[in-house]
Protein backbone atom coordinates (compact mmCIF):
# COMPACT_ATOMS: atom_id res chain seq x y z
CA MET A 1 -23.43 4.99 12.42
CA TRP A 2 -22.00 3.59 9.85
CA THR A 3 -19.80 0.43 9.61
CA LYS A 4 -17.45 -1.07 6.90
CA TYR A 5 -17.05 -4.87 7.24
CA ILE A 6 -14.59 -6.45 5.28
CA TYR A 7 -14.89 -10.35 4.48
CA VAL A 8 -12.66 -12.88 2.83
CA CYS A 9 -13.76 -15.56 0.21
CA ASN A 10 -12.96 -18.95 1.50
CA THR A 11 -12.27 -20.28 -2.35
CA CYS A 12 -10.37 -17.79 -4.02
CA ASP A 13 -9.24 -15.28 -1.14
CA ALA A 14 -10.92 -12.30 -2.91
CA LEU A 15 -11.59 -9.32 -0.31
CA ILE A 16 -15.34 -8.67 -0.14
CA GLU A 17 -15.81 -4.92 1.67
CA VAL A 18 -19.41 -3.66 2.76
CA THR A 19 -20.73 -0.65 4.17
CA ALA A 20 -23.53 -0.47 5.81
CA CYS A 21 -25.76 1.61 8.19
CA VAL A 22 -27.17 -1.68 9.89
CA SER A 23 -25.60 -4.78 10.34
CA PRO A 24 -25.73 -7.02 7.23
CA GLU A 25 -28.62 -10.35 7.89
CA ILE A 26 -26.69 -12.40 5.27
CA ASP A 27 -23.22 -12.53 4.45
CA PRO A 28 -22.26 -11.37 1.02
CA ALA A 29 -21.32 -13.48 -2.27
CA CYS A 30 -18.47 -13.87 -4.04
CA ILE A 31 -18.51 -13.44 -7.84
CA CYS A 32 -16.07 -16.15 -8.23
CA GLN A 33 -19.58 -18.47 -7.80
CA ALA A 34 -18.20 -20.93 -5.72
CA SER A 35 -20.18 -22.68 -3.41
CA SER A 36 -18.16 -22.07 -0.66
CA HIS A 37 -18.91 -19.43 1.91
CA VAL A 38 -16.97 -15.96 3.20
CA THR A 39 -15.60 -15.34 6.45
CA LEU A 40 -16.34 -12.26 8.24
CA ILE A 41 -12.55 -11.07 9.17
CA SER A 42 -13.14 -7.36 10.72
CA TRP A 43 -15.34 -4.42 10.79
CA GLU A 44 -14.75 -1.09 11.82
CA ASP A 45 -16.08 2.51 12.15
CA ALA A 46 -17.08 4.20 8.52
CA THR A 47 -18.89 6.96 9.74
CA VAL A 48 -17.86 10.27 8.19
CA SER A 49 -17.23 13.66 9.78
CA PRO A 50 -18.18 16.58 8.09
CA THR A 51 -16.20 18.77 6.13
CA ILE A 52 -16.13 22.39 6.87
CA ASP A 53 -14.96 24.29 3.76
CA THR A 54 -17.22 27.88 4.63
CA ILE A 55 -17.25 30.25 6.78
CA GLU A 56 -21.18 29.84 7.37
CA MET A 57 -20.04 26.21 8.16
CA LEU A 58 -17.44 27.16 10.79
CA ASP A 59 -19.78 29.19 12.33
CA GLU A 60 -22.64 27.09 12.45
CA PHE A 61 -19.64 23.95 13.80
CA LYS A 62 -18.40 26.19 16.20
CA SER A 63 -21.96 27.28 17.52
CA GLN A 64 -22.99 23.72 17.59
CA THR A 65 -20.14 22.21 19.33
CA GLY A 66 -18.48 24.99 21.50
CA ILE A 67 -15.28 24.76 20.09
CA ALA A 68 -12.75 27.81 19.47
CA ILE A 69 -11.58 27.72 15.94
CA ASP A 70 -10.89 31.23 14.82
CA SER A 71 -10.57 31.17 11.35
CA LEU A 72 -10.17 29.28 8.22
CA ASP A 73 -7.43 31.99 6.95
CA VAL A 74 -3.83 29.88 7.34
CA SER A 75 -2.17 33.23 8.21
CA LYS A 76 -3.73 32.62 11.90
CA VAL A 77 -2.20 29.18 12.00
CA THR A 78 1.12 29.21 9.89
CA PRO A 79 3.91 31.56 11.35
CA ARG A 80 4.81 33.73 8.71
CA GLU A 81 8.61 32.76 8.67
CA VAL A 82 7.00 29.41 7.37
CA VAL A 83 4.84 30.52 4.71
CA LYS A 84 4.77 34.14 3.63
CA ILE A 85 1.44 34.62 2.57
CA ASN A 86 1.32 36.71 -0.81
CA THR A 87 4.09 36.29 -1.86
CA ASN A 88 5.99 34.32 -4.82
CA PRO A 89 8.68 32.58 -3.53
CA TYR A 90 10.85 32.03 -6.51
CA THR A 91 11.64 35.54 -7.00
CA LEU A 92 14.64 37.41 -4.90
């Protein structure tokens, strides 16, 4: 799991973000080179979900998860009244 750690510099108020797969052992240093420390103000999950952009990837996703997604075809999820497939909207 990836985690984004957010720090603030106690001298110049710079915001420092560190994304890591493991917890950082030491706090990062600020570019202002001051002798002050940085303070951890928050952390959050930064794991990215896989992108499904081909039929093969969709089939693999369905077999791994058991989720029934019909297709990547927009005509199956968008009503024809909203979007007319294969038509030019600028002609009468």
